[in-house]
């Protein structure tokens, strides 16, 4: 069970890294990176699976539900922004990319610093 949790964590971090790195690289061109939609959906789904696995398992520590709720809200906002930018590439602005970038950094910061 712990191995599965670690694999999901790896995929979760990889998804956020795709969104973060891709957004940084394309900031100058004001376009959404190609892999951003796949990255955010990977991060969102694996995050939900990790919380479900930890909640259902006796071996793993129960998740902090307040932290999970805050991270989920931030992830859903980022998902909405990325879906909007993917459907309407002509509407992508530096502000939208900045919001995706800032909220991604916020979500990673919450994961690491909230104890």
N, C-alpha and C. Protein backbone atom coordinates (compact mmCIF):
# COMPACT_ATOMS: atom_id res chain seq x y z
N UNK A 1 0.82 -1.19 0.00
CA UNK A 1 0.00 0.00 0.00
C UNK A 1 0.87 1.26 0.00
N UNK A 2 1.96 1.20 0.77
CA UNK A 2 2.85 2.36 0.86
C UNK A 2 3.54 2.62 -0.48
N UNK A 3 3.88 1.55 -1.20
CA UNK A 3 4.50 1.70 -2.52
C UNK A 3 3.55 2.41 -3.48
N UNK A 4 2.29 2.04 -3.46
CA UNK A 4 1.30 2.69 -4.31
C UNK A 4 1.18 4.17 -3.96
N UNK A 5 1.21 4.47 -2.68
CA UNK A 5 1.14 5.87 -2.24
C UNK A 5 2.34 6.66 -2.78
N UNK A 6 3.52 6.06 -2.76
CA UNK A 6 4.72 6.73 -3.26
C UNK A 6 4.68 6.91 -4.78
N UNK A 7 4.15 5.94 -5.49
CA UNK A 7 4.01 6.06 -6.95
C UNK A 7 3.03 7.18 -7.27
N UNK A 8 1.92 7.24 -6.56
CA UNK A 8 0.95 8.31 -6.78
C UNK A 8 1.55 9.68 -6.45
N UNK A 9 2.33 9.75 -5.39
CA UNK A 9 2.99 11.01 -5.04
C UNK A 9 3.96 11.44 -6.14
N UNK A 10 4.71 10.50 -6.67
CA UNK A 10 5.63 10.79 -7.77
C UNK A 10 4.88 11.36 -8.97
N UNK A 11 3.79 10.71 -9.35
CA UNK A 11 3.00 11.17 -10.50
C UNK A 11 2.35 12.53 -10.20
N UNK A 12 1.91 12.73 -8.96
CA UNK A 12 1.31 13.99 -8.55
C UNK A 12 2.32 15.13 -8.71
N UNK A 13 3.51 14.94 -8.19
CA UNK A 13 4.55 15.97 -8.30
C UNK A 13 4.97 16.19 -9.75
N UNK A 14 5.01 15.13 -10.52
CA UNK A 14 5.35 15.26 -11.93
C UNK A 14 4.30 16.09 -12.67
N UNK A 15 3.03 15.88 -12.35
CA UNK A 15 1.96 16.67 -12.96
C UNK A 15 2.10 18.15 -12.65
N UNK A 16 2.36 18.48 -11.38
CA UNK A 16 2.55 19.88 -11.02
C UNK A 16 3.80 20.45 -11.67
N UNK A 17 4.85 19.63 -11.80
CA UNK A 17 6.08 20.11 -12.44
C UNK A 17 5.85 20.43 -13.91
N UNK A 18 5.03 19.64 -14.57
CA UNK A 18 4.71 19.90 -15.98
C UNK A 18 3.99 21.25 -16.11
N UNK A 19 3.04 21.50 -15.23
CA UNK A 19 2.31 22.77 -15.28
C UNK A 19 3.25 23.93 -14.97
N UNK A 20 4.04 23.80 -13.91
CA UNK A 20 4.94 24.87 -13.50
C UNK A 20 6.01 25.15 -14.56
N UNK A 21 6.71 24.13 -14.97
CA UNK A 21 7.78 24.31 -15.96
C UNK A 21 7.27 24.80 -17.30
N UNK A 22 6.18 24.22 -17.75
CA UNK A 22 5.61 24.63 -19.03
C UNK A 22 5.13 26.06 -19.02
N UNK A 23 4.54 26.49 -17.92
CA UNK A 23 4.05 27.86 -17.82
C UNK A 23 5.22 28.84 -17.78
N UNK A 24 6.26 28.51 -17.06
CA UNK A 24 7.44 29.39 -17.01
C UNK A 24 8.05 29.54 -18.40
N UNK A 25 8.16 28.44 -19.12
CA UNK A 25 8.78 28.47 -20.44
C UNK A 25 7.96 29.28 -21.45
N UNK A 26 6.64 29.23 -21.36
CA UNK A 26 5.80 29.90 -22.36
C UNK A 26 5.30 31.28 -21.92
N UNK A 27 5.76 31.79 -20.79
CA UNK A 27 5.32 33.11 -20.32
C UNK A 27 5.59 34.20 -21.35
N UNK A 28 6.72 34.15 -21.99
CA UNK A 28 7.09 35.20 -22.94
C UNK A 28 6.19 35.19 -24.18
N UNK A 29 5.76 34.02 -24.61
CA UNK A 29 4.95 33.89 -25.83
C UNK A 29 3.46 34.08 -25.57
N UNK A 30 3.07 34.21 -24.33
CA UNK A 30 1.66 34.33 -23.92
C UNK A 30 0.81 33.22 -24.54
N UNK A 31 1.21 32.01 -24.31
CA UNK A 31 0.41 30.86 -24.73
C UNK A 31 0.49 29.81 -23.64
N UNK A 32 -0.52 28.98 -23.61
CA UNK A 32 -0.55 27.91 -22.63
C UNK A 32 0.30 26.76 -23.12
N UNK A 33 1.13 26.16 -22.26
CA UNK A 33 1.95 25.04 -22.72
C UNK A 33 1.09 23.85 -23.14
N UNK A 34 1.60 23.10 -24.10
CA UNK A 34 0.84 21.96 -24.62
C UNK A 34 0.48 20.94 -23.56
N UNK A 35 1.40 20.66 -22.66
CA UNK A 35 1.17 19.60 -21.68
C UNK A 35 0.47 20.06 -20.41
N UNK A 36 0.10 21.33 -20.32
CA UNK A 36 -0.47 21.86 -19.08
C UNK A 36 -1.77 21.15 -18.72
N UNK A 37 -2.61 20.90 -19.70
CA UNK A 37 -3.89 20.22 -19.41
C UNK A 37 -3.65 18.81 -18.89
N UNK A 38 -2.75 18.09 -19.52
CA UNK A 38 -2.43 16.74 -19.05
C UNK A 38 -1.77 16.77 -17.68
N UNK A 39 -0.90 17.74 -17.47
CA UNK A 39 -0.21 17.86 -16.19
C UNK A 39 -1.17 18.15 -15.05
N UNK A 40 -2.08 19.10 -15.24
CA UNK A 40 -2.99 19.46 -14.15
C UNK A 40 -3.99 18.34 -13.90
N UNK A 41 -4.43 17.67 -14.94
CA UNK A 41 -5.37 16.55 -14.71
C UNK A 41 -4.67 15.39 -14.00
N UNK A 42 -3.40 15.15 -14.33
CA UNK A 42 -2.62 14.14 -13.63
C UNK A 42 -2.49 14.50 -12.16
N UNK A 43 -2.14 15.76 -11.87
CA UNK A 43 -1.98 16.20 -10.49
C UNK A 43 -3.30 16.12 -9.72
N UNK A 44 -4.38 16.52 -10.35
CA UNK A 44 -5.69 16.50 -9.69
C UNK A 44 -6.14 15.08 -9.38
N UNK A 45 -6.08 14.21 -10.35
CA UNK A 45 -6.55 12.83 -10.16
C UNK A 45 -5.67 12.08 -9.16
N UNK A 46 -4.36 12.21 -9.28
CA UNK A 46 -3.48 11.50 -8.34
C UNK A 46 -3.62 12.06 -6.92
N UNK A 47 -3.85 13.36 -6.79
CA UNK A 47 -4.08 13.93 -5.46
C UNK A 47 -5.32 13.36 -4.81
N UNK A 48 -6.39 13.27 -5.57
CA UNK A 48 -7.63 12.68 -5.05
C UNK A 48 -7.42 11.22 -4.68
N UNK A 49 -6.71 10.49 -5.54
CA UNK A 49 -6.44 9.07 -5.25
C UNK A 49 -5.58 8.90 -3.99
N UNK A 50 -4.59 9.78 -3.80
CA UNK A 50 -3.75 9.69 -2.60
C UNK A 50 -4.56 9.92 -1.33
N UNK A 51 -5.45 10.91 -1.35
CA UNK A 51 -6.28 11.18 -0.17
C UNK A 51 -7.22 10.01 0.09
N UNK A 52 -7.82 9.47 -0.96
CA UNK A 52 -8.71 8.32 -0.79
C UNK A 52 -7.98 7.11 -0.26
N UNK A 53 -6.80 6.86 -0.78
CA UNK A 53 -6.00 5.73 -0.32
C UNK A 53 -5.59 5.89 1.13
N UNK A 54 -5.16 7.09 1.51
CA UNK A 54 -4.74 7.33 2.90
C UNK A 54 -5.93 7.24 3.85
N UNK A 55 -7.09 7.69 3.42
CA UNK A 55 -8.29 7.63 4.27
C UNK A 55 -8.78 6.20 4.45
N UNK A 56 -8.62 5.38 3.43
CA UNK A 56 -9.14 4.02 3.49
C UNK A 56 -8.17 3.03 4.14
N UNK A 57 -6.92 3.41 4.26
CA UNK A 57 -5.89 2.49 4.75
C UNK A 57 -5.66 2.64 6.25
N UNK A 58 -5.42 1.51 6.88
CA UNK A 58 -5.04 1.52 8.29
C UNK A 58 -3.54 1.75 8.46
N UNK A 59 -2.77 1.45 7.41
CA UNK A 59 -1.32 1.58 7.46
C UNK A 59 -0.85 3.01 7.33
N UNK A 60 -1.57 3.83 6.55
CA UNK A 60 -1.13 5.19 6.25
C UNK A 60 -1.76 6.18 7.22
N UNK A 61 -1.07 7.30 7.41
CA UNK A 61 -1.55 8.35 8.30
C UNK A 61 -2.75 9.05 7.68
N UNK A 62 -3.76 9.35 8.51
CA UNK A 62 -4.94 10.06 8.01
C UNK A 62 -4.55 11.46 7.54
N UNK A 63 -5.08 11.89 6.40
CA UNK A 63 -4.72 13.21 5.88
C UNK A 63 -5.36 14.34 6.68
N UNK A 64 -4.70 15.49 6.68
CA UNK A 64 -5.23 16.71 7.29
C UNK A 64 -6.32 17.24 6.35
N UNK A 65 -7.57 17.12 6.75
CA UNK A 65 -8.68 17.43 5.84
C UNK A 65 -8.75 18.92 5.48
N UNK A 66 -8.35 19.79 6.38
CA UNK A 66 -8.36 21.22 6.07
C UNK A 66 -7.32 21.52 4.99
N UNK A 67 -6.14 20.97 5.14
CA UNK A 67 -5.08 21.16 4.15
C UNK A 67 -5.51 20.58 2.80
N UNK A 68 -6.10 19.41 2.82
CA UNK A 68 -6.56 18.77 1.59
C UNK A 68 -7.62 19.62 0.91
N UNK A 69 -8.54 20.19 1.69
CA UNK A 69 -9.60 21.02 1.12
C UNK A 69 -9.03 22.27 0.46
N UNK A 70 -8.07 22.91 1.12
CA UNK A 70 -7.46 24.12 0.55
C UNK A 70 -6.71 23.77 -0.73
N UNK A 71 -5.94 22.69 -0.70
CA UNK A 71 -5.20 22.27 -1.89
C UNK A 71 -6.15 21.89 -3.03
N UNK A 72 -7.26 21.26 -2.70
CA UNK A 72 -8.23 20.88 -3.73
C UNK A 72 -8.85 22.11 -4.38
N UNK A 73 -9.20 23.10 -3.59
CA UNK A 73 -9.78 24.33 -4.15
C UNK A 73 -8.78 25.01 -5.09
N UNK A 74 -7.53 25.12 -4.65
CA UNK A 74 -6.50 25.73 -5.50
C UNK A 74 -6.32 24.92 -6.77
N UNK A 75 -6.27 23.60 -6.66
CA UNK A 75 -6.10 22.73 -7.83
C UNK A 75 -7.27 22.86 -8.80
N UNK A 76 -8.48 22.98 -8.27
CA UNK A 76 -9.65 23.14 -9.14
C UNK A 76 -9.64 24.48 -9.86
N UNK A 77 -9.18 25.52 -9.19
CA UNK A 77 -9.06 26.84 -9.85
C UNK A 77 -8.02 26.77 -10.96
N UNK A 78 -6.88 26.17 -10.69
CA UNK A 78 -5.84 26.01 -11.72
C UNK A 78 -6.39 25.18 -12.88
N UNK A 79 -7.11 24.12 -12.57
CA UNK A 79 -7.70 23.29 -13.62
C UNK A 79 -8.65 24.10 -14.48
N UNK A 80 -9.49 24.90 -13.85
CA UNK A 80 -10.42 25.75 -14.60
C UNK A 80 -9.68 26.72 -15.51
N UNK A 81 -8.63 27.35 -15.00
CA UNK A 81 -7.86 28.30 -15.81
C UNK A 81 -7.18 27.60 -16.98
N UNK A 82 -6.63 26.43 -16.74
CA UNK A 82 -5.95 25.70 -17.81
C UNK A 82 -6.95 25.21 -18.86
N UNK A 83 -8.10 24.71 -18.43
CA UNK A 83 -9.12 24.28 -19.39
C UNK A 83 -9.60 25.47 -20.22
N UNK A 84 -9.83 26.61 -19.58
CA UNK A 84 -10.24 27.81 -20.29
C UNK A 84 -9.19 28.21 -21.32
N UNK A 85 -7.93 28.21 -20.91
CA UNK A 85 -6.85 28.57 -21.83
C UNK A 85 -6.66 27.57 -22.96
N UNK A 86 -6.93 26.31 -22.69
CA UNK A 86 -6.79 25.28 -23.73
C UNK A 86 -7.93 25.38 -24.75
N UNK A 87 -9.12 25.74 -24.28
CA UNK A 87 -10.26 25.86 -25.20
C UNK A 87 -10.25 27.16 -25.99
N UNK A 88 -9.70 28.20 -25.40
CA UNK A 88 -9.65 29.51 -26.06
C UNK A 88 -8.22 30.06 -26.04
N UNK A 89 -7.36 29.50 -26.87
CA UNK A 89 -5.95 29.93 -26.84
C UNK A 89 -5.76 31.41 -27.17
N UNK A 90 -6.69 31.98 -27.92
CA UNK A 90 -6.56 33.40 -28.26
C UNK A 90 -6.83 34.30 -27.06
N UNK A 91 -7.46 33.79 -26.02
CA UNK A 91 -7.78 34.56 -24.82
C UNK A 91 -6.70 34.45 -23.73
N UNK A 92 -5.65 33.67 -23.97
CA UNK A 92 -4.59 33.51 -22.97
C UNK A 92 -3.80 34.81 -22.87
N UNK A 93 -3.70 35.32 -21.65
CA UNK A 93 -2.97 36.56 -21.39
C UNK A 93 -1.84 36.27 -20.39
N UNK A 94 -1.00 37.27 -20.22
CA UNK A 94 0.05 37.13 -19.20
C UNK A 94 -0.56 37.01 -17.82
N UNK A 95 -1.70 37.64 -17.60
CA UNK A 95 -2.39 37.54 -16.32
C UNK A 95 -2.87 36.12 -16.03
N UNK A 96 -3.44 35.48 -17.04
CA UNK A 96 -3.89 34.10 -16.87
C UNK A 96 -2.70 33.19 -16.60
N UNK A 97 -1.62 33.36 -17.35
CA UNK A 97 -0.44 32.54 -17.12
C UNK A 97 0.17 32.82 -15.75
N UNK A 98 0.15 34.09 -15.35
CA UNK A 98 0.65 34.44 -14.02
C UNK A 98 -0.18 33.82 -12.92
N UNK A 99 -1.50 33.77 -13.13
CA UNK A 99 -2.39 33.15 -12.14
C UNK A 99 -2.12 31.66 -12.04
N UNK A 100 -1.95 31.00 -13.18
CA UNK A 100 -1.64 29.56 -13.18
C UNK A 100 -0.32 29.33 -12.48
N UNK A 101 0.68 30.13 -12.80
CA UNK A 101 1.99 30.00 -12.20
C UNK A 101 1.94 30.25 -10.69
N UNK A 102 1.32 31.33 -10.29
CA UNK A 102 1.25 31.67 -8.87
C UNK A 102 0.47 30.65 -8.05
N UNK A 103 -0.65 30.20 -8.58
CA UNK A 103 -1.45 29.21 -7.85
C UNK A 103 -0.76 27.85 -7.79
N UNK A 104 0.01 27.52 -8.82
CA UNK A 104 0.78 26.27 -8.79
C UNK A 104 1.85 26.34 -7.70
N UNK A 105 2.56 27.46 -7.64
CA UNK A 105 3.57 27.64 -6.59
C UNK A 105 2.90 27.63 -5.21
N UNK A 106 1.73 28.28 -5.09
CA UNK A 106 0.99 28.27 -3.83
C UNK A 106 0.64 26.86 -3.40
N UNK A 107 0.16 26.05 -4.33
CA UNK A 107 -0.24 24.68 -4.00
C UNK A 107 0.96 23.84 -3.54
N UNK A 108 2.08 24.00 -4.21
CA UNK A 108 3.28 23.28 -3.80
C UNK A 108 3.74 23.78 -2.43
N UNK A 109 3.68 25.09 -2.23
CA UNK A 109 4.05 25.66 -0.94
C UNK A 109 3.18 25.16 0.19
N UNK A 110 1.88 25.07 -0.04
CA UNK A 110 0.98 24.53 0.98
C UNK A 110 1.35 23.10 1.31
N UNK A 111 1.63 22.32 0.29
CA UNK A 111 1.98 20.91 0.50
C UNK A 111 3.23 20.77 1.36
N UNK A 112 4.21 21.61 1.13
CA UNK A 112 5.50 21.47 1.81
C UNK A 112 5.50 22.15 3.19
N UNK A 113 4.93 23.34 3.27
CA UNK A 113 5.09 24.14 4.48
C UNK A 113 4.00 23.97 5.52
N UNK A 114 2.81 23.53 5.12
CA UNK A 114 1.71 23.36 6.08
C UNK A 114 1.93 22.08 6.87
N UNK A 115 2.18 22.21 8.14
CA UNK A 115 2.42 21.05 9.00
C UNK A 115 1.41 20.99 10.11
